[in-house]
């Protein structure tokens, strides 16, 4: 902005001595990608700032918030992985009643998505980040899903929900899938991205703990979201802490800091009452345990040695078991809702379990019927097939495999399964590295992929599970980080 001001107040220009040709020449020099991007950011900021100025009456708050908002947005455009993390989790906090002063047309998902895109452009234009196209094996199955979705709009019985779902997939979910390939250029960008997840999980814990009463049944949510969001964000943050932030950092004080946050995150996951995120977290931890045991057995059989990295992974898993048991023992009165729901799951009773089973059966029937086995019900069509209604937020099977299979047919399901297979194949190949930083990131991505894959198999529709696509995108972005 200083550049623009300096140009506008140039003495020659104000005195009328500057010719039109010289004016145009100087204007071209000032129109650098960085200055244009700064101007666009200022235009974007004018909207939230104007809302704040109209709604907030306190002059002291008005004095501090706009500059802080401008500074934060500039920082996010410079480090777009921060805006990207906020974009992925916008659904967690944008329904917070404390944000009700924002107008209905101002969507935080769109806002942080735009900042992510601008930050990507800034990195390419100003920082001269190298542009490498995503690999074909990553894009082909994804584009196959998109093309099948577009074609299925011609016969879906739920055009309202189908169109809305497809538009979200083309914009929000696609941005979540593709962005990791352009955003993450070094370890610091990964740490900033993971750090936002941890900060958000801690903030959700603080929002929950204010209203928690021992021995009182009920779900607990934060920022106006549902209880499952607490478990998902907390579980993802815990994985990021355990397998990357803790293991990859050599500073002992920072290690103590990171591991000290784990009881807080575990408490938030337990007290929320959500079974799916907890079971997904356990499955991801068990997967890493079996991997560590497998690699240790291989090392013993070939070289009669055990790598320190494998022992550290087993050590952190053992430590997490101890911390979990201590948290459960000390605060068990706060977790009665979770215990009760786990009992219902064990006995296969409870309204949500029976409802999920009914939708699973319905989706499977559609996948085994003719001709829907090949054509699918059409994108969004499960809502009309199972519930008999079409709305902007329709019904879905709460299982991403059954959702794609029932709506896009077996061809769509095979394309998605191939994408999942490629993601795991990438990670298995990367896990063979001897570099500790590379290995810990690969372990983290493996745990995160398993965590989100199970979550997407029990709750949400395809766009609700955009973090799964981010995890898959990260397995390909890993190549850009380490295999250039």
Protein backbone atom coordinates (compact mmCIF):
# COMPACT_ATOMS: atom_id res chain seq x y z
CA UNK A 1 0.00 0.00 0.00
CA UNK A 2 2.99 2.31 0.62
CA UNK A 3 3.93 1.82 -3.03
CA UNK A 4 0.50 2.91 -4.21
CA UNK A 5 0.52 5.96 -1.95
CA UNK A 6 4.00 6.96 -3.05
CA UNK A 7 3.00 6.79 -6.68
CA UNK A 8 -0.23 8.69 -6.18
CA UNK A 9 1.53 11.58 -4.43
CA UNK A 10 4.49 11.81 -6.79
CA UNK A 11 5.41 15.48 -7.09
CA UNK A 12 5.73 15.40 -10.87
CA UNK A 13 2.33 13.85 -11.27
CA UNK A 14 0.63 16.29 -8.91
CA UNK A 15 2.24 19.29 -10.59
CA UNK A 16 1.01 18.15 -13.97
CA UNK A 17 4.51 17.73 -15.44
CA UNK A 18 4.18 13.98 -15.88
CA UNK A 19 3.16 13.11 -19.43
CA UNK A 20 0.58 10.47 -20.17
CA UNK A 21 3.19 8.09 -21.61
CA UNK A 22 5.41 8.40 -18.53
CA UNK A 23 2.35 7.90 -16.33
CA UNK A 24 1.46 4.67 -18.14
CA UNK A 25 5.10 3.54 -18.01
CA UNK A 26 5.31 4.08 -14.24
CA UNK A 27 1.92 2.44 -13.75
CA UNK A 28 3.14 -0.69 -15.53
CA UNK A 29 6.20 -0.81 -13.31
CA UNK A 30 4.01 -0.60 -10.21
CA UNK A 31 1.64 -3.33 -11.42
CA UNK A 32 3.77 -6.17 -10.13
CA UNK A 33 2.10 -9.45 -9.13
CA UNK A 34 2.80 -8.67 -5.48
CA UNK A 35 1.13 -5.23 -5.63
CA UNK A 36 -1.87 -6.55 -7.56
CA UNK A 37 -2.28 -9.33 -5.01
CA UNK A 38 -2.02 -6.82 -2.16
CA UNK A 39 -4.77 -4.76 -3.80
CA UNK A 40 -7.02 -7.80 -4.17
CA UNK A 41 -6.44 -8.69 -0.51
CA UNK A 42 -7.39 -5.16 0.53
CA UNK A 43 -10.59 -5.41 -1.50
CA UNK A 44 -11.43 -8.72 0.17
CA UNK A 45 -10.74 -7.21 3.57
CA UNK A 46 -13.09 -4.31 2.95
CA UNK A 47 -16.11 -6.60 3.36
CA UNK A 48 -15.41 -8.05 6.84
CA UNK A 49 -14.01 -4.72 8.00
CA UNK A 50 -17.14 -2.88 6.90
CA UNK A 51 -19.30 -5.44 8.70
CA UNK A 52 -17.30 -4.94 11.89
CA UNK A 53 -17.56 -1.17 11.62
CA UNK A 54 -21.34 -1.34 11.26
CA UNK A 55 -22.06 -3.98 13.92
CA UNK A 56 -19.55 -3.29 16.69
CA UNK A 57 -20.19 -0.12 18.67
CA UNK A 58 -17.26 -0.27 21.10
CA UNK A 59 -14.70 2.27 19.90
CA UNK A 60 -11.78 0.45 21.58
CA UNK A 61 -12.63 -2.82 19.82
CA UNK A 62 -13.09 -0.95 16.55
CA UNK A 63 -9.62 0.51 16.94
CA UNK A 64 -7.90 -2.86 17.27
CA UNK A 65 -9.89 -5.39 15.22
CA UNK A 66 -9.57 -4.03 11.64
CA UNK A 67 -5.75 -3.69 11.80
CA UNK A 68 -5.48 -7.13 13.35
CA UNK A 69 -7.77 -8.56 10.66
CA UNK A 70 -5.68 -6.97 7.91
CA UNK A 71 -2.47 -8.25 9.49
CA UNK A 72 -3.91 -11.77 9.89
CA UNK A 73 -5.15 -11.91 6.30
CA UNK A 74 -1.81 -10.66 4.97
CA UNK A 75 -0.01 -13.30 7.02
CA UNK A 76 -2.38 -16.01 5.76
CA UNK A 77 -1.83 -14.94 2.15
CA UNK A 78 1.92 -15.14 2.75
CA UNK A 79 1.56 -18.54 4.43
CA UNK A 80 -1.57 -19.93 2.75
CA UNK A 81 -1.34 -23.29 4.54
CA UNK A 82 -2.77 -21.46 7.57
CA UNK A 83 -5.79 -20.25 5.59
CA UNK A 84 -6.08 -23.73 4.09
CA UNK A 85 -6.37 -25.35 7.52
CA UNK A 86 -9.04 -22.79 8.48
CA UNK A 87 -10.80 -23.43 5.16
CA UNK A 88 -10.93 -27.19 5.80
CA UNK A 89 -12.39 -26.65 9.27
CA UNK A 90 -14.65 -23.67 8.55
CA UNK A 91 -17.75 -25.81 9.09
CA UNK A 92 -16.59 -26.40 12.66
CA UNK A 93 -16.79 -22.79 13.79
CA UNK A 94 -18.78 -20.73 11.29
CA UNK A 95 -22.08 -21.71 12.96
CA UNK A 96 -20.88 -20.24 16.27
CA UNK A 97 -23.61 -17.92 17.62
CA UNK A 98 -20.87 -15.44 18.51
CA UNK A 99 -20.33 -14.94 14.78
CA UNK A 100 -24.00 -14.20 14.13
CA UNK A 101 -23.15 -10.58 13.38
CA UNK A 102 -21.66 -11.71 10.05
CA UNK A 103 -24.14 -11.26 7.16
CA UNK A 104 -25.60 -14.36 5.56
CA UNK A 105 -23.80 -13.78 2.27
CA UNK A 106 -20.37 -13.78 3.97
CA UNK A 107 -19.30 -17.43 4.08
CA UNK A 108 -16.10 -18.21 5.98
CA UNK A 109 -15.47 -21.33 3.90
CA UNK A 110 -15.48 -19.23 0.73
CA UNK A 111 -13.41 -16.47 2.37
CA UNK A 112 -10.61 -18.76 3.57
CA UNK A 113 -10.78 -20.65 0.27
CA UNK A 114 -10.14 -17.41 -1.61
CA UNK A 115 -7.26 -16.53 0.71
CA UNK A 116 -5.79 -19.99 0.05
CA UNK A 117 -6.01 -19.44 -3.71
CA UNK A 118 -4.52 -15.93 -3.47
CA UNK A 119 -1.73 -17.25 -1.26
CA UNK A 120 -0.97 -19.93 -3.82
CA UNK A 121 -0.79 -17.30 -6.57
CA UNK A 122 1.41 -15.15 -4.31
CA UNK A 123 3.80 -18.07 -3.83
CA UNK A 124 4.03 -18.71 -7.55
CA UNK A 125 4.28 -15.06 -8.64
CA UNK A 126 6.30 -13.45 -5.84
CA UNK A 127 8.13 -16.25 -4.04
CA UNK A 128 8.82 -17.97 -7.37
CA UNK A 129 7.66 -21.34 -6.05
CA UNK A 130 8.15 -24.01 -8.67
CA UNK A 131 4.94 -25.07 -10.39
CA UNK A 132 4.77 -28.84 -10.79
CA UNK A 133 1.61 -30.34 -12.25
CA UNK A 134 -0.11 -33.04 -10.17
CA UNK A 135 0.61 -36.53 -11.52
CA UNK A 136 -1.75 -38.15 -13.99
CA UNK A 137 -2.42 -41.13 -11.73
CA UNK A 138 -3.77 -38.66 -9.16
CA UNK A 139 -6.02 -36.76 -11.55
CA UNK A 140 -7.42 -39.49 -13.79
CA UNK A 141 -9.60 -41.32 -11.21
CA UNK A 142 -10.63 -37.99 -9.72
CA UNK A 143 -11.73 -36.59 -13.07
CA UNK A 144 -13.54 -39.87 -13.75
CA UNK A 145 -15.64 -39.28 -10.61
CA UNK A 146 -16.35 -35.71 -11.73
CA UNK A 147 -17.38 -36.73 -15.25
CA UNK A 148 -19.65 -39.48 -13.94
CA UNK A 149 -21.23 -36.97 -11.55
CA UNK A 150 -21.84 -34.45 -14.34
CA UNK A 151 -23.32 -37.08 -16.66
CA UNK A 152 -25.53 -38.48 -13.88
CA UNK A 153 -27.26 -35.11 -13.49
CA UNK A 154 -29.16 -36.02 -16.65
CA UNK A 155 -31.02 -38.86 -14.91
CA UNK A 156 -30.82 -38.28 -11.15
CA UNK A 157 -34.16 -38.08 -9.36
CA UNK A 158 -32.75 -35.51 -6.93
CA UNK A 159 -31.55 -32.65 -9.18
CA UNK A 160 -31.57 -30.06 -6.38
CA UNK A 161 -29.38 -32.03 -3.98
CA UNK A 162 -27.37 -33.50 -6.86
CA UNK A 163 -26.52 -30.12 -8.35
CA UNK A 164 -25.62 -28.70 -4.95
CA UNK A 165 -23.43 -31.72 -4.14
CA UNK A 166 -21.66 -31.60 -7.50
CA UNK A 167 -20.96 -27.86 -7.25
CA UNK A 168 -19.46 -28.33 -3.79
CA UNK A 169 -17.37 -31.23 -5.05
CA UNK A 170 -16.08 -29.19 -7.99
CA UNK A 171 -15.14 -26.24 -5.76
CA UNK A 172 -14.66 -26.96 -2.06
CA UNK A 173 -13.66 -30.62 -2.20
CA UNK A 174 -11.50 -30.13 -5.30
CA UNK A 175 -9.65 -27.28 -3.60
CA UNK A 176 -9.11 -29.52 -0.56
CA UNK A 177 -7.74 -32.27 -2.82
CA UNK A 178 -5.51 -30.23 -5.14
CA UNK A 179 -4.17 -27.52 -2.81
CA UNK A 180 -1.66 -29.68 -0.87
CA UNK A 181 0.32 -30.13 -4.05
CA UNK A 182 0.90 -26.36 -4.36
CA UNK A 183 0.98 -25.24 -0.73
CA UNK A 184 3.50 -27.48 0.99
CA UNK A 185 7.05 -26.70 -0.07
CA UNK A 186 8.99 -27.49 3.11
CA UNK A 187 8.70 -28.87 6.63
CA UNK A 188 7.81 -25.48 8.08
CA UNK A 189 4.68 -25.25 5.94
CA UNK A 190 3.62 -28.69 7.21
CA UNK A 191 4.23 -27.62 10.83
CA UNK A 192 2.15 -24.45 10.37
CA UNK A 193 -0.67 -26.48 8.83
CA UNK A 194 -0.63 -29.05 11.63
CA UNK A 195 -0.33 -26.29 14.23
CA UNK A 196 -3.65 -24.73 13.18
CA UNK A 197 -5.39 -28.07 13.71
CA UNK A 198 -3.88 -28.30 17.20
CA UNK A 199 -4.87 -24.71 18.08
CA UNK A 200 -8.41 -25.29 16.85
CA UNK A 201 -8.70 -28.54 18.84
CA UNK A 202 -7.50 -26.76 21.99
CA UNK A 203 -9.95 -23.91 21.39
CA UNK A 204 -12.79 -26.43 21.01
CA UNK A 205 -11.77 -28.09 24.28
CA UNK A 206 -11.86 -24.71 26.06
CA UNK A 207 -15.29 -23.97 24.60
CA UNK A 208 -16.62 -27.36 25.74
CA UNK A 209 -15.15 -27.51 29.22
CA UNK A 210 -17.09 -24.45 30.39
CA UNK A 211 -20.41 -26.31 30.30
CA UNK A 212 -19.35 -29.84 31.24
CA UNK A 213 -20.97 -31.30 34.37
CA UNK A 214 -19.83 -34.66 35.82
CA UNK A 215 -22.25 -37.61 35.63
CA UNK A 216 -24.60 -35.70 33.34
CA UNK A 217 -25.49 -37.43 30.07
CA UNK A 218 -25.48 -35.56 26.80
CA UNK A 219 -23.37 -34.69 23.79
CA UNK A 220 -20.92 -31.82 23.92
CA UNK A 221 -20.08 -29.65 20.95
CA UNK A 222 -18.03 -26.51 20.39
CA UNK A 223 -18.57 -23.33 18.36
CA UNK A 224 -22.07 -24.36 17.34
CA UNK A 225 -20.88 -27.46 15.44
CA UNK A 226 -21.92 -31.04 16.22
CA UNK A 227 -20.22 -33.42 18.63
CA UNK A 228 -18.62 -35.44 15.81
CA UNK A 229 -16.63 -32.38 14.71
CA UNK A 230 -14.98 -32.23 18.13
CA UNK A 231 -13.80 -35.83 17.80
CA UNK A 232 -12.66 -35.42 14.22
CA UNK A 233 -10.61 -32.27 14.78
CA UNK A 234 -9.26 -33.55 18.09
CA UNK A 235 -8.34 -36.93 16.63
CA UNK A 236 -6.58 -35.41 13.61
CA UNK A 237 -4.69 -32.98 15.86
CA UNK A 238 -3.62 -35.80 18.18
CA UNK A 239 -2.25 -37.81 15.25
CA UNK A 240 -0.32 -34.77 14.03
CA UNK A 241 1.17 -34.23 17.48
CA UNK A 242 2.14 -37.82 18.22
CA UNK A 243 3.71 -38.88 14.96
CA UNK A 244 5.15 -35.64 13.64
CA UNK A 245 5.30 -32.65 15.95
CA UNK A 246 6.55 -34.74 18.88
CA UNK A 247 8.82 -37.20 17.06
CA UNK A 248 10.38 -34.86 14.49
CA UNK A 249 11.30 -32.03 16.87
CA UNK A 250 14.60 -32.45 18.72
CA UNK A 251 14.05 -29.76 21.36
CA UNK A 252 13.10 -31.58 24.59
CA UNK A 253 11.09 -28.65 25.97
CA UNK A 254 8.97 -28.54 22.82
CA UNK A 255 8.47 -32.30 22.98
CA UNK A 256 7.17 -31.97 26.53
CA UNK A 257 4.88 -29.18 25.38
CA UNK A 258 3.39 -31.22 22.55
CA UNK A 259 2.92 -34.39 24.57
CA UNK A 260 1.44 -32.29 27.39
CA UNK A 261 -1.41 -31.32 25.08
CA UNK A 262 -2.46 -34.94 24.48
CA UNK A 263 -4.52 -35.32 27.70
CA UNK A 264 -6.43 -32.17 26.79
CA UNK A 265 -7.24 -33.47 23.31
CA UNK A 266 -8.19 -36.91 24.66
CA UNK A 267 -10.55 -35.34 27.19
CA UNK A 268 -12.25 -33.39 24.39
CA UNK A 269 -12.64 -36.53 22.26
CA UNK A 270 -14.04 -38.59 25.16
CA UNK A 271 -16.40 -35.95 26.54
CA UNK A 272 -17.94 -35.12 23.14
CA UNK A 273 -19.68 -38.51 23.13
CA UNK A 274 -18.89 -39.41 19.52
CA UNK A 275 -18.08 -43.08 18.88
CA UNK A 276 -16.99 -42.85 15.27
CA UNK A 277 -14.00 -40.50 15.69
CA UNK A 278 -12.79 -42.42 18.76
CA UNK A 279 -12.98 -45.80 17.03
CA UNK A 280 -11.29 -44.29 13.95
CA UNK A 281 -8.50 -42.97 16.17
CA UNK A 282 -8.02 -46.38 17.80
CA UNK A 283 -7.93 -48.10 14.39
CA UNK A 284 -5.34 -45.63 13.09
CA UNK A 285 -3.16 -46.20 16.19
CA UNK A 286 -3.47 -49.98 15.85
CA UNK A 287 -2.49 -49.71 12.18
CA UNK A 288 0.70 -47.85 13.10
CA UNK A 289 1.39 -50.40 15.87
CA UNK A 290 1.21 -53.31 13.43
CA UNK A 291 3.40 -51.43 10.98
CA UNK A 292 6.04 -50.85 13.67
CA UNK A 293 5.93 -54.52 14.74
CA UNK A 294 6.25 -55.62 11.10
CA UNK A 295 9.27 -53.41 10.43
CA UNK A 296 10.94 -54.49 13.68
CA UNK A 297 10.49 -58.16 12.80
CA UNK A 298 11.91 -57.49 9.34
CA UNK A 299 14.94 -55.70 10.80
CA UNK A 300 15.61 -58.53 13.24
CA UNK A 301 15.38 -61.17 10.54
CA UNK A 302 17.73 -59.40 8.12
CA UNK A 303 20.21 -57.31 10.14
CA UNK A 304 19.56 -58.41 13.75
CA UNK A 305 19.06 -54.75 14.68
CA UNK A 306 16.12 -52.51 15.54
CA UNK A 307 15.88 -48.99 14.20
CA UNK A 308 15.42 -46.22 16.74
CA UNK A 309 12.53 -44.73 14.77
CA UNK A 310 10.49 -47.92 15.18
CA UNK A 311 11.19 -48.02 18.92
CA UNK A 312 10.15 -44.36 19.21
CA UNK A 313 6.88 -45.09 17.44
CA UNK A 314 6.16 -48.01 19.77
CA UNK A 315 7.16 -45.85 22.73
CA UNK A 316 4.78 -43.03 21.82
CA UNK A 317 1.94 -45.53 21.32
CA UNK A 318 2.61 -47.07 24.74
CA UNK A 319 2.74 -43.62 26.31
CA UNK A 320 -0.58 -42.75 24.68
CA UNK A 321 -2.20 -45.88 26.11
CA UNK A 322 -1.01 -44.91 29.59
CA UNK A 323 -2.21 -41.31 29.23
CA UNK A 324 -5.59 -42.46 27.89
CA UNK A 325 -6.12 -44.83 30.82
CA UNK A 326 -5.17 -42.12 33.30
CA UNK A 327 -7.58 -39.62 31.71
CA UNK A 328 -10.41 -42.20 31.72
CA UNK A 329 -9.70 -43.22 35.32
CA UNK A 330 -9.47 -39.63 36.59
CA UNK A 331 -12.43 -38.16 34.68
CA UNK A 332 -14.67 -41.16 34.02
CA UNK A 333 -17.72 -39.35 35.41
CA UNK A 334 -17.49 -36.95 32.46
CA UNK A 335 -17.58 -39.73 29.87
CA UNK A 336 -20.81 -41.57 30.72
CA UNK A 337 -22.39 -40.66 27.37
CA UNK A 338 -19.51 -42.22 25.47
CA UNK A 339 -19.57 -45.36 27.63
CA UNK A 340 -23.32 -45.74 27.11
CA UNK A 341 -23.06 -45.31 23.34
CA UNK A 342 -20.25 -47.85 23.12
CA UNK A 343 -22.48 -50.33 24.96
CA UNK A 344 -25.27 -49.67 22.47
CA UNK A 345 -22.85 -50.30 19.62
CA UNK A 346 -21.75 -53.57 21.19
CA UNK A 347 -25.35 -54.77 21.46
CA UNK A 348 -26.17 -53.38 17.98
CA UNK A 349 -28.96 -51.27 19.41
CA UNK A 350 -29.64 -47.57 19.52
CA UNK A 351 -31.44 -45.31 17.07
CA UNK A 352 -28.36 -44.09 15.18
CA UNK A 353 -26.94 -47.62 14.74
CA UNK A 354 -30.23 -48.94 13.37
CA UNK A 355 -30.64 -45.91 11.09
CA UNK A 356 -27.12 -46.35 9.70
CA UNK A 357 -27.79 -50.07 9.09
CA UNK A 358 -31.00 -49.27 7.24
CA UNK A 359 -29.24 -46.78 4.97
CA UNK A 360 -26.36 -49.18 4.35
CA UNK A 361 -28.83 -51.87 3.27
CA UNK A 362 -30.64 -49.45 0.99
CA UNK A 363 -27.41 -48.34 -0.69
CA UNK A 364 -26.25 -51.94 -1.16
CA UNK A 365 -29.59 -52.86 -2.74
CA UNK A 366 -29.18 -50.00 -5.22
CA UNK A 367 -25.66 -51.18 -6.06
CA UNK A 368 -26.87 -54.76 -6.70
CA UNK A 369 -29.93 -53.83 -8.76
CA UNK A 370 -30.09 -53.42 -12.53
CA UNK A 371 -29.42 -50.98 -14.16
CA UNK A 372 -28.38 -48.85 -11.17
CA UNK A 373 -25.41 -51.15 -10.53
CA UNK A 374 -23.86 -49.66 -13.68
CA UNK A 375 -25.43 -46.22 -13.95
CA UNK A 376 -25.99 -45.47 -10.28
CA UNK A 377 -28.97 -43.54 -8.96
CA UNK A 378 -27.37 -40.33 -10.15
CA UNK A 379 -25.52 -37.86 -7.96
CA UNK A 380 -27.72 -37.06 -4.96
CA UNK A 381 -30.18 -39.73 -6.09
CA UNK A 382 -29.90 -41.76 -2.89
CA UNK A 383 -31.93 -39.09 -1.10
CA UNK A 384 -34.96 -39.68 -3.29
CA UNK A 385 -34.40 -43.44 -3.46
CA UNK A 386 -34.17 -43.90 0.29
CA UNK A 387 -36.11 -41.01 1.82
CA UNK A 388 -38.34 -39.81 -1.01
CA UNK A 389 -37.35 -36.15 -0.95
CA UNK A 390 -35.02 -33.78 -2.79
CA UNK A 391 -33.52 -30.85 -0.94
CA UNK A 392 -30.30 -28.81 -0.98
CA UNK A 393 -29.14 -30.96 1.93
CA UNK A 394 -30.49 -34.39 1.07
CA UNK A 395 -30.04 -37.83 2.59
CA UNK A 396 -26.92 -39.96 2.14
CA UNK A 397 -25.74 -43.40 3.32
CA UNK A 398 -23.14 -42.07 5.82
CA UNK A 399 -20.54 -44.22 4.08
CA UNK A 400 -18.47 -42.72 1.28
CA UNK A 401 -18.00 -46.06 -0.51
CA UNK A 402 -21.72 -46.84 -0.48
CA UNK A 403 -22.55 -43.24 -1.37
CA UNK A 404 -20.38 -43.24 -4.49
CA UNK A 405 -21.34 -46.80 -5.41
CA UNK A 406 -25.09 -46.21 -5.11
CA UNK A 407 -25.09 -42.82 -6.88
CA UNK A 408 -22.37 -43.25 -9.53
CA UNK A 409 -22.46 -47.03 -9.93
CA UNK A 410 -19.60 -49.50 -9.82
CA UNK A 411 -17.53 -47.45 -12.26
CA UNK A 412 -17.53 -44.49 -9.85
CA UNK A 413 -16.78 -46.75 -6.90
CA UNK A 414 -13.84 -48.39 -8.70
CA UNK A 415 -12.42 -44.96 -9.59
CA UNK A 416 -12.58 -43.88 -5.95
CA UNK A 417 -11.14 -47.16 -4.69
CA UNK A 418 -8.27 -46.82 -7.16
CA UNK A 419 -7.55 -43.33 -5.79
CA UNK A 420 -7.49 -44.72 -2.24
CA UNK A 421 -5.22 -47.57 -3.36
CA UNK A 422 -2.75 -45.13 -4.98
CA UNK A 423 -2.65 -43.08 -1.77
CA UNK A 424 -1.75 -46.10 0.35
CA UNK A 425 0.72 -47.34 -2.29
CA UNK A 426 2.49 -43.97 -2.16
CA UNK A 427 2.78 -44.11 1.61
CA UNK A 428 4.02 -47.70 1.70
CA UNK A 429 6.77 -46.74 -0.73
CA UNK A 430 7.68 -43.64 1.28
CA UNK A 431 7.82 -45.57 4.56
CA UNK A 432 10.88 -47.43 3.32
CA UNK A 433 13.01 -44.29 3.61
CA UNK A 434 15.76 -44.12 6.22
CA UNK A 435 15.44 -40.33 6.68
CA UNK A 436 13.64 -39.74 10.00
CA UNK A 437 11.80 -36.53 9.02
CA UNK A 438 10.51 -38.19 5.85
CA UNK A 439 9.50 -41.32 7.72
CA UNK A 440 7.66 -39.49 10.51
CA UNK A 441 5.66 -37.47 7.98
CA UNK A 442 4.79 -40.65 6.08
CA UNK A 443 3.69 -42.30 9.35
CA UNK A 444 1.56 -39.25 10.17
CA UNK A 445 -0.09 -39.28 6.75
CA UNK A 446 -0.74 -43.02 7.03
CA UNK A 447 -2.45 -42.61 10.42
CA UNK A 448 -4.39 -39.57 9.16
CA UNK A 449 -5.52 -41.41 6.03
CA UNK A 450 -6.75 -44.42 8.03
CA UNK A 451 -8.44 -42.08 10.54
CA UNK A 452 -10.34 -40.15 7.89
CA UNK A 453 -11.13 -43.22 5.80
CA UNK A 454 -12.91 -44.85 8.73
CA UNK A 455 -14.65 -41.59 9.69
CA UNK A 456 -15.95 -41.24 6.13
CA UNK A 457 -17.29 -44.80 6.35
CA UNK A 458 -19.63 -44.03 9.24
CA UNK A 459 -20.64 -40.37 8.94
CA UNK A 460 -21.01 -37.45 6.55
CA UNK A 461 -21.38 -37.21 2.80
CA UNK A 462 -18.57 -36.91 0.26
CA UNK A 463 -18.14 -33.16 0.75
CA UNK A 464 -18.29 -33.37 4.55
CA UNK A 465 -15.26 -35.66 4.30
CA UNK A 466 -13.06 -33.24 2.37
CA UNK A 467 -10.25 -33.81 4.88
CA UNK A 468 -10.03 -37.36 3.50
CA UNK A 469 -9.30 -35.90 0.07
CA UNK A 470 -6.74 -33.59 1.63
CA UNK A 471 -5.05 -36.60 3.24
CA UNK A 472 -4.97 -38.35 -0.14
CA UNK A 473 -3.66 -35.20 -1.80
CA UNK A 474 -0.92 -34.97 0.81
CA UNK A 475 0.33 -38.43 -0.13
CA UNK A 476 1.05 -37.05 -3.59
CA UNK A 477 2.33 -33.71 -2.27
CA UNK A 478 4.84 -35.73 -0.25
CA UNK A 479 6.70 -36.32 -3.52
CA UNK A 480 7.06 -32.57 -4.00
CA UNK A 481 8.43 -32.18 -0.48
CA UNK A 482 11.06 -34.89 -0.52
CA UNK A 483 11.44 -36.48 -3.92
CA UNK A 484 12.20 -33.49 -6.12
